[in-house]
Protein backbone atom coordinates (compact mmCIF):
# COMPACT_ATOMS: atom_id res chain seq x y z
CA MET A 1 63.58 -48.74 -39.41
CA SER A 2 63.04 -45.12 -37.82
CA LEU A 3 62.44 -45.20 -34.80
CA SER A 4 62.44 -42.88 -31.55
CA THR A 5 65.42 -43.02 -29.15
CA ASP A 6 64.83 -45.37 -26.32
CA LEU A 7 64.33 -43.93 -22.40
CA ARG A 8 66.94 -46.04 -21.15
CA SER A 9 70.15 -44.52 -19.36
CA ASP A 10 72.60 -45.11 -16.91
CA PRO A 11 70.67 -43.90 -13.69
CA GLU A 12 72.22 -41.11 -11.55
CA PRO A 13 72.62 -42.07 -7.87
CA PRO A 14 68.97 -41.60 -5.84
CA SER A 15 68.57 -38.11 -4.37
CA GLY A 16 65.91 -38.64 -1.96
CA GLN A 17 64.40 -41.42 -0.18
CA PRO A 18 63.05 -44.59 -1.26
CA PRO A 19 59.17 -45.16 -1.19
CA SER A 20 58.31 -47.43 1.61
CA GLU A 21 57.43 -51.24 0.93
CA ALA A 22 54.42 -50.80 1.55
CA THR A 23 53.92 -47.99 -1.07
CA LEU A 24 55.61 -49.86 -3.22
CA GLN A 25 53.29 -53.39 -2.92
CA ARG A 26 50.26 -51.00 -3.22
CA LEU A 27 51.89 -49.40 -6.84
CA GLY A 28 52.57 -52.76 -7.95
CA GLN A 29 48.73 -54.09 -7.30
CA ALA A 30 47.58 -50.73 -8.82
CA ILE A 31 49.64 -51.69 -12.05
CA ALA A 32 48.26 -55.27 -12.15
CA HIS A 33 44.84 -53.90 -11.67
CA VAL A 34 44.86 -51.83 -14.71
CA GLY A 35 45.95 -55.03 -17.08
CA GLY A 36 48.39 -55.74 -19.82
CA ASP A 37 51.97 -56.46 -19.29
CA SER A 38 52.41 -55.12 -16.01
CA GLU A 39 56.25 -55.96 -15.94
CA TYR A 40 56.87 -54.09 -18.84
CA LEU A 41 54.49 -50.83 -17.78
CA ALA A 42 56.45 -50.71 -14.36
CA ASP A 43 59.91 -51.30 -15.90
CA ALA A 44 59.13 -48.32 -18.81
CA LEU A 45 58.07 -45.64 -15.83
CA ALA A 46 60.71 -46.32 -14.42
CA ASP A 47 63.14 -45.94 -17.05
CA PHE A 48 60.90 -42.52 -17.49
CA LEU A 49 61.47 -41.32 -13.85
CA PHE A 50 65.27 -42.26 -14.04
CA VAL A 51 66.30 -39.68 -16.62
CA GLN A 52 63.88 -36.71 -15.01
CA ARG A 53 65.80 -33.64 -13.51
CA PRO A 54 65.66 -34.68 -9.42
CA PHE A 55 64.16 -31.99 -7.34
CA VAL A 56 66.44 -29.63 -5.52
CA PRO A 57 65.12 -28.50 -2.27
CA ASN A 58 64.82 -24.69 -2.07
CA ALA A 59 65.78 -24.10 -6.04
CA LEU A 60 64.08 -20.82 -5.98
CA ALA A 61 66.09 -17.94 -5.91
CA GLN A 62 65.66 -15.25 -3.31
CA HIS A 63 65.16 -12.69 -5.70
CA ASP A 64 62.81 -14.59 -7.97
CA ALA A 65 60.81 -14.98 -4.70
CA ASN A 66 60.49 -11.37 -3.97
CA TYR A 67 59.82 -10.76 -7.82
CA LEU A 68 56.91 -13.55 -8.24
CA VAL A 69 55.03 -11.35 -4.57
CA GLU A 70 56.26 -8.21 -5.73
CA SER A 71 54.33 -8.76 -8.85
CA GLY A 72 51.19 -9.65 -7.64
CA ALA A 73 51.36 -13.39 -9.75
CA PHE A 74 51.74 -14.81 -5.46
CA THR A 75 50.86 -13.80 -1.97
CA PRO A 76 53.98 -14.94 -0.19
CA ASP A 77 51.63 -17.72 1.68
CA GLU A 78 50.69 -18.84 -1.76
CA LEU A 79 54.27 -18.65 -2.82
CA ALA A 80 55.03 -20.79 -0.24
CA ASP A 81 51.82 -23.33 -0.63
CA ALA A 82 53.29 -23.86 -4.16
CA MET A 83 56.31 -24.70 -3.18
CA ARG A 84 55.40 -27.42 -0.78
CA ILE A 85 53.60 -28.91 -3.43
CA VAL A 86 56.02 -28.61 -6.00
CA GLU A 87 58.24 -30.19 -3.27
CA ARG A 88 56.15 -33.36 -2.86
CA GLY A 89 56.66 -34.13 -6.57
CA SER A 90 53.67 -32.36 -8.23
CA LEU A 91 55.45 -31.80 -11.63
CA GLN A 92 57.48 -35.43 -11.79
CA LEU A 93 53.86 -36.70 -11.38
CA GLY A 94 52.34 -34.43 -13.76
CA ALA A 95 55.09 -35.53 -16.30
CA ALA A 96 55.02 -39.56 -15.42
CA LEU A 97 51.05 -39.19 -15.95
CA ASN A 98 51.46 -37.77 -19.56
CA PHE A 99 53.86 -40.55 -20.25
CA LEU A 100 51.58 -42.99 -18.81
CA SER A 101 48.44 -41.98 -21.19
CA ASN A 102 51.36 -41.57 -24.23
CA LEU A 103 52.28 -45.03 -23.50
CA HIS A 104 48.43 -46.16 -23.10
CA ALA A 105 47.89 -44.97 -26.78
CA THR A 106 50.58 -47.37 -27.88
CA ARG A 107 49.80 -50.95 -28.88
CA SER A 108 52.84 -54.19 -28.73
CA LEU A 109 54.34 -55.75 -31.45
CA GLY A 110 52.18 -58.94 -30.30
CA ASP A 111 48.91 -56.40 -30.59
CA ILE A 112 49.18 -55.59 -33.83
CA MET A 113 50.38 -59.15 -35.30
CA GLY A 114 47.06 -60.19 -33.80
CA PHE A 115 45.16 -56.92 -34.83
CA LEU A 116 46.51 -56.88 -38.20
CA ASN A 117 46.57 -60.84 -38.56
CA LEU A 118 50.55 -60.57 -40.03
CA ALA A 119 53.58 -62.37 -39.21
CA SER A 120 56.38 -60.33 -36.82
CA GLU A 121 58.61 -60.42 -39.61
CA ALA A 122 55.62 -58.90 -42.18
CA VAL A 123 54.78 -56.39 -39.26
CA THR A 124 58.74 -55.74 -39.50
CA GLN A 125 59.26 -55.37 -43.29
CA ALA A 126 56.14 -52.34 -43.01
CA VAL A 127 57.70 -50.29 -40.40
CA GLN A 128 60.85 -50.65 -42.74
CA GLY A 129 58.96 -49.53 -46.16
CA GLY A 130 57.57 -47.13 -44.63
CA ARG A 131 53.66 -48.63 -44.74
CA LEU A 132 53.64 -48.62 -40.12
CA TYR A 133 54.79 -46.49 -37.67
CA ALA A 134 56.91 -47.49 -34.26
CA VAL A 135 58.45 -46.03 -31.60
CA VAL A 136 60.84 -47.65 -29.08
CA ILE A 137 60.16 -47.09 -25.48
CA SER A 138 61.87 -48.84 -22.53
CA GLY A 139 63.33 -50.89 -25.14
CA GLN A 140 60.05 -52.22 -26.48
CA VAL A 141 58.79 -51.20 -30.43
CA ARG A 142 55.41 -49.65 -30.11
CA PHE A 143 52.84 -48.72 -32.21
CA PRO A 144 50.99 -45.62 -31.82
CA ASP A 145 47.11 -45.76 -32.03
CA TRP A 146 46.02 -43.01 -34.36
CA GLN A 147 47.55 -45.08 -37.30
CA PHE A 148 44.95 -48.10 -37.08
CA SER A 149 41.40 -47.29 -37.94
CA LEU A 150 38.33 -50.82 -37.85
CA GLU A 151 36.16 -49.03 -40.46
CA SER A 152 39.30 -49.12 -43.35
CA PRO A 153 40.77 -51.54 -45.44
CA GLY A 154 43.85 -53.29 -43.76
CA ARG A 155 42.46 -51.43 -40.47
CA LEU A 156 44.90 -48.94 -41.29
CA LEU A 157 44.11 -45.18 -41.43
CA PRO A 158 43.97 -44.22 -45.24
CA HIS A 159 46.91 -42.70 -47.08
CA LEU A 160 49.02 -43.57 -44.23
CA PRO A 161 52.73 -44.08 -45.89
CA GLU A 162 52.07 -40.37 -47.18
CA VAL A 163 51.92 -39.49 -43.79
CA ILE A 164 54.80 -41.17 -42.36
CA GLU A 165 56.78 -39.34 -45.47
CA ALA A 166 55.52 -36.17 -44.37
CA LEU A 167 55.85 -36.45 -40.90
CA ALA A 168 59.24 -38.17 -40.98
CA GLY A 169 60.96 -35.48 -39.17
CA TRP A 170 59.11 -35.30 -36.33
CA ASP A 171 59.24 -36.92 -32.58
CA ALA A 172 56.36 -39.53 -31.72
CA ARG A 173 54.85 -37.00 -29.46
CA SER A 174 54.29 -34.05 -31.93
CA ILE A 175 53.23 -36.77 -34.60
CA SER A 176 50.53 -38.10 -32.29
CA GLY A 177 49.30 -34.67 -30.54
CA PHE A 178 49.05 -33.45 -34.81
CA MET A 179 46.81 -36.14 -35.61
CA ALA A 180 44.69 -35.71 -33.10
CA THR A 181 44.66 -32.08 -32.88
CA PRO A 182 41.88 -30.14 -34.77
CA GLN A 183 43.50 -28.50 -37.94
CA SER A 184 42.25 -25.12 -39.49
CA GLY A 185 42.84 -26.07 -42.54
CA LEU A 186 40.79 -29.00 -42.43
CA VAL A 187 37.37 -28.16 -42.64
CA ALA A 188 34.16 -30.62 -43.65
CA GLU A 189 31.52 -29.68 -41.16
CA GLY A 190 33.10 -27.73 -38.72
CA ARG A 191 37.27 -28.45 -38.38
CA GLN A 192 38.75 -31.71 -38.25
CA THR A 193 41.84 -33.59 -36.84
CA PRO A 194 44.08 -35.13 -39.49
CA VAL A 195 42.92 -38.72 -38.45
CA GLU A 196 39.18 -37.52 -38.54
CA TRP A 197 39.96 -36.56 -42.56
CA LEU A 198 41.73 -39.06 -43.57
CA ARG A 199 39.06 -41.83 -42.17
CA ARG A 200 36.22 -39.80 -43.82
CA GLY A 201 38.24 -40.56 -47.10
CA LEU A 202 39.46 -37.13 -47.54
CA ASP A 203 42.79 -36.01 -49.81
CA VAL A 204 45.83 -36.62 -48.04
CA THR A 205 47.50 -33.50 -49.89
CA ALA A 206 45.68 -31.27 -47.30
CA ILE A 207 47.80 -32.42 -44.60
CA ARG A 208 50.58 -32.35 -46.07
CA LYS A 209 49.90 -28.57 -47.16
CA ILE A 210 49.52 -27.88 -43.25
CA VAL A 211 52.65 -29.64 -42.53
CA GLU A 212 54.97 -28.15 -44.85
CA GLU A 213 53.61 -24.84 -43.96
CA ARG A 214 54.55 -25.45 -40.34
CA GLU A 215 58.06 -26.54 -41.38
CA TRP A 216 58.74 -23.55 -43.04
CA ARG A 217 57.81 -21.33 -40.42
């Protein structure tokens, strides 16, 4: 079973002040509001934030600040405003939102067992045999949505084993991005994403060719 690296690591000591109890309570209520496994969602978000680089106040060197102003990229006021936004954690927030979006586009083992009507052992064997693609996020096996198709036999994307084999050296985020992005080499009534291409019953060879060309660059 080839799975992505788990996010868990030993967290560094906190570098800032923790949120208030009221804010933490509101966050917990928001997580519960969206449904699903709220405990897992909160734990995964915590794991993700622990591996982020802590913000270092005044990290922008003076000569870099001078260059940004002198080049015309920012006025002094604009640069000061941008730094205040960064200091509030906007970069970390953007990264966390992207992480949660990617996490939302995956399913748990229990979901897949019900969706495919398979026992856990059968799902594990399918992953080990390259017939299903799985990743590990915060200690839990997750299954990216792109590989499933309600209209296809077995509810799986046509030619899924060939796709998994072709993308064997790629990380999970790159794979999900590739499968959801229209490709210039996949044209049928306009550019198609690899997922759209395969759901239309078209040849997987065209996707293999795109992957091979990227890997040779």
